[in-house]
Amino acid sequence: SGINAEYEAVVSTQSTGEIHVATTHCALRECFQLGPVLSGAHKILKKFKRHKCGHENAALDAAACFTAMVGAGNPEHYIIATQDSELRKQLRDIPGIPIMYLSACTLFLESPSYKSRDQAEESFLKQDLLTDYEKETIKKMKGNQEEKTAFNRKRKRPKGPNPLSCKKKKSEDGAKKKKKKKKPTESCSGENNEALVKPVDSVQIDAVK
């Protein structure tokens, strides 16, 4: 009907998948029993498709009906749209149930509950996202690492003194023994030069005499 298409278009803005708007016999019956307070809601619900909830012969209140339909893990992928705050609170304790509500004439989709987030994370971790090539590569890397660890364990022996440190000590002792005191070199200038010249001059003077 036209009203279904209109609401489906509005609800589809909150989801990327195909959505069909429907109600149940239990919800219609509850709205009717509440009288004039929900007469407007009852008129709108009557235009929606009726989903078989299984309670046609023994109707439940709307909250109990919706809770029974979603079951333990919402296998039929229902989205529950309700203004009942108590029902929304109960549904948050069941993982995997999207919840919608109206506020200021605007349709809102609640953020996933903690239970839904935990279930999604657990489901993601269980998924096998690796390709066959990646699995084989990881297997080879683990095998190489185990072989390397085993080889290093075989080569381990008790350590002795460092031979380099011993050689270094000996070389230092040898350097000390070989080291000699150098003789001072005579300078060709100053007083030493005069001492060398004077005897020669005196010898020449005696010869002349």
Protein backbone atom coordinates (compact mmCIF):
# COMPACT_ATOMS: atom_id res chain seq x y z
CA SER A 1 0.00 0.00 0.00
CA GLY A 2 0.99 3.68 -0.21
CA ILE A 3 1.53 4.02 3.54
CA ASN A 4 3.83 0.97 3.52
CA ALA A 5 5.93 2.39 0.70
CA GLU A 6 6.19 5.72 2.47
CA TYR A 7 7.40 4.22 5.75
CA GLU A 8 9.68 1.76 3.97
CA ALA A 9 11.34 4.69 2.19
CA VAL A 10 11.88 6.48 5.49
CA VAL A 11 13.23 3.37 7.25
CA SER A 12 15.49 2.56 4.29
CA THR A 13 17.42 5.76 4.92
CA GLN A 14 18.77 4.08 8.08
CA SER A 15 19.87 0.89 6.32
CA THR A 16 21.66 -0.22 3.16
CA GLY A 17 19.55 -3.38 2.72
CA GLU A 18 16.00 -4.00 1.57
CA ILE A 19 13.43 -3.40 4.32
CA HIS A 20 9.75 -4.34 4.58
CA VAL A 21 7.63 -2.60 7.22
CA ALA A 22 5.09 -4.82 8.99
CA THR A 23 3.26 -5.24 12.29
CA THR A 24 1.75 -8.17 14.17
CA HIS A 25 -1.69 -9.24 15.29
CA CYS A 26 -0.60 -8.77 18.93
CA ALA A 27 0.44 -5.14 18.37
CA LEU A 28 -2.84 -4.31 16.61
CA ARG A 29 -4.87 -5.91 19.38
CA GLU A 30 -3.00 -4.00 22.11
CA CYS A 31 -3.46 -0.64 20.36
CA PHE A 32 -7.18 -1.36 19.95
CA GLN A 33 -7.57 -2.30 23.64
CA LEU A 34 -5.84 0.88 24.84
CA GLY A 35 -8.67 2.89 23.25
CA PRO A 36 -8.62 6.56 22.19
CA VAL A 37 -5.07 7.15 23.50
CA LEU A 38 -3.61 5.10 20.64
CA SER A 39 -6.44 5.35 18.15
CA GLY A 40 -4.22 7.25 15.69
CA ALA A 41 -1.46 4.63 15.95
CA HIS A 42 -4.04 1.89 15.50
CA LYS A 43 -5.32 3.44 12.25
CA ILE A 44 -1.77 3.60 10.87
CA LEU A 45 -0.91 0.03 11.95
CA LYS A 46 -3.99 -1.34 10.23
CA LYS A 47 -2.53 -0.17 6.89
CA PHE A 48 0.71 -2.13 7.44
CA LYS A 49 1.28 -5.70 6.34
CA ARG A 50 0.63 -8.23 9.10
CA HIS A 51 3.50 -10.52 9.91
CA LYS A 52 2.57 -13.96 11.22
CA CYS A 53 3.88 -14.01 14.77
CA GLY A 54 2.30 -17.32 15.79
CA HIS A 55 0.15 -15.79 18.53
CA GLU A 56 -3.03 -15.36 16.54
CA ASN A 57 -5.00 -17.82 18.69
CA ALA A 58 -3.57 -16.57 22.01
CA ALA A 59 -2.48 -12.96 21.63
CA LEU A 60 0.35 -11.56 23.76
CA ASP A 61 1.10 -7.96 24.58
CA ALA A 62 3.19 -6.23 21.90
CA ALA A 63 6.43 -6.29 23.93
CA ALA A 64 6.19 -10.04 24.63
CA CYS A 65 5.27 -10.70 21.00
CA PHE A 66 8.28 -8.83 19.60
CA THR A 67 10.66 -10.41 22.13
CA ALA A 68 9.42 -13.89 21.20
CA MET A 69 9.83 -13.16 17.48
CA VAL A 70 13.48 -12.09 17.72
CA GLY A 71 14.30 -15.14 19.84
CA ALA A 72 17.82 -15.72 21.16
CA GLY A 73 19.83 -14.34 18.24
CA ASN A 74 17.34 -12.71 15.88
CA PRO A 75 17.73 -15.33 13.10
CA GLU A 76 15.12 -13.61 10.91
CA HIS A 77 17.00 -10.28 11.09
CA TYR A 78 14.14 -8.19 12.47
CA ILE A 79 14.48 -4.46 13.16
CA ILE A 80 12.23 -3.45 16.04
CA ALA A 81 10.73 0.05 15.87
CA THR A 82 9.04 1.01 19.13
CA GLN A 83 8.40 3.93 21.43
CA ASP A 84 8.32 1.60 24.46
CA SER A 85 11.47 2.48 26.43
CA GLU A 86 11.17 -0.64 28.61
CA LEU A 87 11.00 -2.87 25.54
CA ARG A 88 14.05 -1.17 24.04
CA LYS A 89 15.92 -1.80 27.28
CA GLN A 90 15.05 -5.52 27.17
CA LEU A 91 16.03 -5.82 23.52
CA ARG A 92 19.48 -4.33 24.17
CA ASP A 93 20.30 -7.42 26.25
CA ILE A 94 19.75 -9.62 23.18
CA PRO A 95 22.65 -9.36 20.72
CA GLY A 96 22.01 -8.63 17.07
CA ILE A 97 18.77 -6.62 17.28
CA PRO A 98 18.69 -3.17 15.60
CA ILE A 99 16.31 -0.79 17.41
CA MET A 100 14.53 2.26 15.98
CA TYR A 101 12.43 4.97 17.63
CA LEU A 102 10.92 8.37 16.87
CA SER A 103 12.02 11.57 18.54
CA ALA A 104 10.84 15.05 17.54
CA CYS A 105 9.27 13.57 14.40
CA THR A 106 12.67 12.13 13.37
CA LEU A 107 13.46 8.45 13.01
CA PHE A 108 16.58 7.30 14.87
CA LEU A 109 18.52 4.05 14.69
CA GLU A 110 20.20 3.24 18.00
CA SER A 111 23.90 2.47 18.17
CA PRO A 112 24.61 -1.25 18.61
CA SER A 113 24.38 -2.38 22.23
CA TYR A 114 27.40 -3.76 24.10
CA LYS A 115 26.01 -7.28 23.68
CA SER A 116 25.73 -6.78 19.92
CA ARG A 117 29.26 -5.39 19.70
CA ASP A 118 30.71 -8.30 21.65
CA GLN A 119 28.91 -10.79 19.42
CA ALA A 120 30.10 -9.02 16.26
CA GLU A 121 33.72 -8.99 17.47
CA GLU A 122 33.58 -12.66 18.41
CA SER A 123 32.07 -13.55 15.05
CA PHE A 124 34.75 -11.55 13.23
CA LEU A 125 37.57 -13.29 15.09
CA LYS A 126 36.16 -16.70 14.17
CA GLN A 127 36.15 -15.87 10.47
CA ASP A 128 38.89 -17.37 8.32
CA LEU A 129 40.03 -14.27 6.42
CA LEU A 130 43.44 -15.54 5.27
CA THR A 131 44.04 -16.85 1.75
CA ASP A 132 45.72 -20.21 1.10
CA TYR A 133 48.93 -18.44 0.10
CA GLU A 134 48.98 -16.41 3.33
CA LYS A 135 48.36 -19.55 5.39
CA GLU A 136 51.24 -21.36 3.65
CA THR A 137 53.56 -18.38 4.13
CA ILE A 138 52.80 -18.18 7.85
CA LYS A 139 53.34 -21.94 8.18
CA LYS A 140 56.78 -21.69 6.52
CA MET A 141 57.76 -18.73 8.70
CA LYS A 142 56.84 -20.64 11.84
CA GLY A 143 58.81 -23.69 10.65
CA ASN A 144 61.92 -21.60 9.90
CA GLN A 145 61.71 -19.91 13.28
CA GLU A 146 61.47 -23.27 15.08
CA GLU A 147 64.49 -24.64 13.16
CA LYS A 148 66.54 -21.54 13.96
CA THR A 149 65.65 -21.78 17.66
CA ALA A 150 66.62 -25.46 17.78
CA PHE A 151 69.96 -24.76 16.01
CA ASN A 152 70.82 -21.96 18.45
CA ARG A 153 70.11 -24.24 21.39
CA LYS A 154 72.55 -26.89 20.06
CA ARG A 155 75.36 -24.35 19.61
CA LYS A 156 75.12 -22.95 23.12
CA ARG A 157 78.19 -23.84 25.25
CA PRO A 158 79.64 -22.52 28.50
CA LYS A 159 81.57 -19.36 27.78
CA GLY A 160 85.27 -19.05 28.68
CA PRO A 161 87.45 -15.97 29.04
CA ASN A 162 87.43 -13.60 26.14
CA PRO A 163 90.61 -14.27 24.10
CA LEU A 164 90.69 -10.72 22.79
CA SER A 165 90.88 -9.29 26.29
CA CYS A 166 93.83 -11.60 27.12
CA LYS A 167 95.76 -10.59 23.99
CA LYS A 168 95.19 -6.98 24.74
CA LYS A 169 96.70 -7.36 28.22
CA LYS A 170 99.81 -9.13 26.92
CA SER A 171 100.40 -6.55 24.24
CA GLU A 172 100.29 -3.80 26.84
CA ASP A 173 102.92 -5.57 29.00
CA GLY A 174 105.15 -6.12 25.98
CA ALA A 175 104.90 -2.49 25.00
CA LYS A 176 106.06 -1.46 28.46
CA LYS A 177 109.12 -3.76 28.30
CA LYS A 178 110.19 -2.66 24.84
CA LYS A 179 109.83 0.99 25.65
CA LYS A 180 113.33 2.56 26.18
CA LYS A 181 114.47 5.93 27.27
CA LYS A 182 115.60 7.95 24.31
CA LYS A 183 118.93 9.86 24.46
CA PRO A 184 118.62 13.59 24.18
CA THR A 185 119.74 14.80 20.77
CA GLU A 186 122.42 17.47 20.70
CA SER A 187 121.40 20.75 19.23
CA CYS A 188 123.43 22.59 16.61
CA SER A 189 122.80 25.95 18.16
CA GLY A 190 123.39 27.75 21.47
CA GLU A 191 125.93 26.72 24.15
CA ASN A 192 126.57 23.22 22.79
CA ASN A 193 127.71 24.76 19.51
CA GLU A 194 130.20 26.99 21.31
CA ALA A 195 131.59 24.02 23.24
CA LEU A 196 132.40 22.23 20.01
CA VAL A 197 134.06 25.21 18.38
CA LYS A 198 136.33 26.36 21.22
CA PRO A 199 138.72 23.34 21.34
CA VAL A 200 139.26 23.55 17.61
CA ASP A 201 140.17 27.24 17.84
CA SER A 202 142.63 26.65 20.64
CA VAL A 203 144.42 23.90 18.70
CA GLN A 204 144.83 26.12 15.69
CA ILE A 205 146.24 28.98 17.82
CA ASP A 206 148.91 26.72 19.43
CA ALA A 207 150.00 25.53 16.04
CA VAL A 208 150.51 29.04 14.78
CA LYS A 209 152.61 29.93 17.74
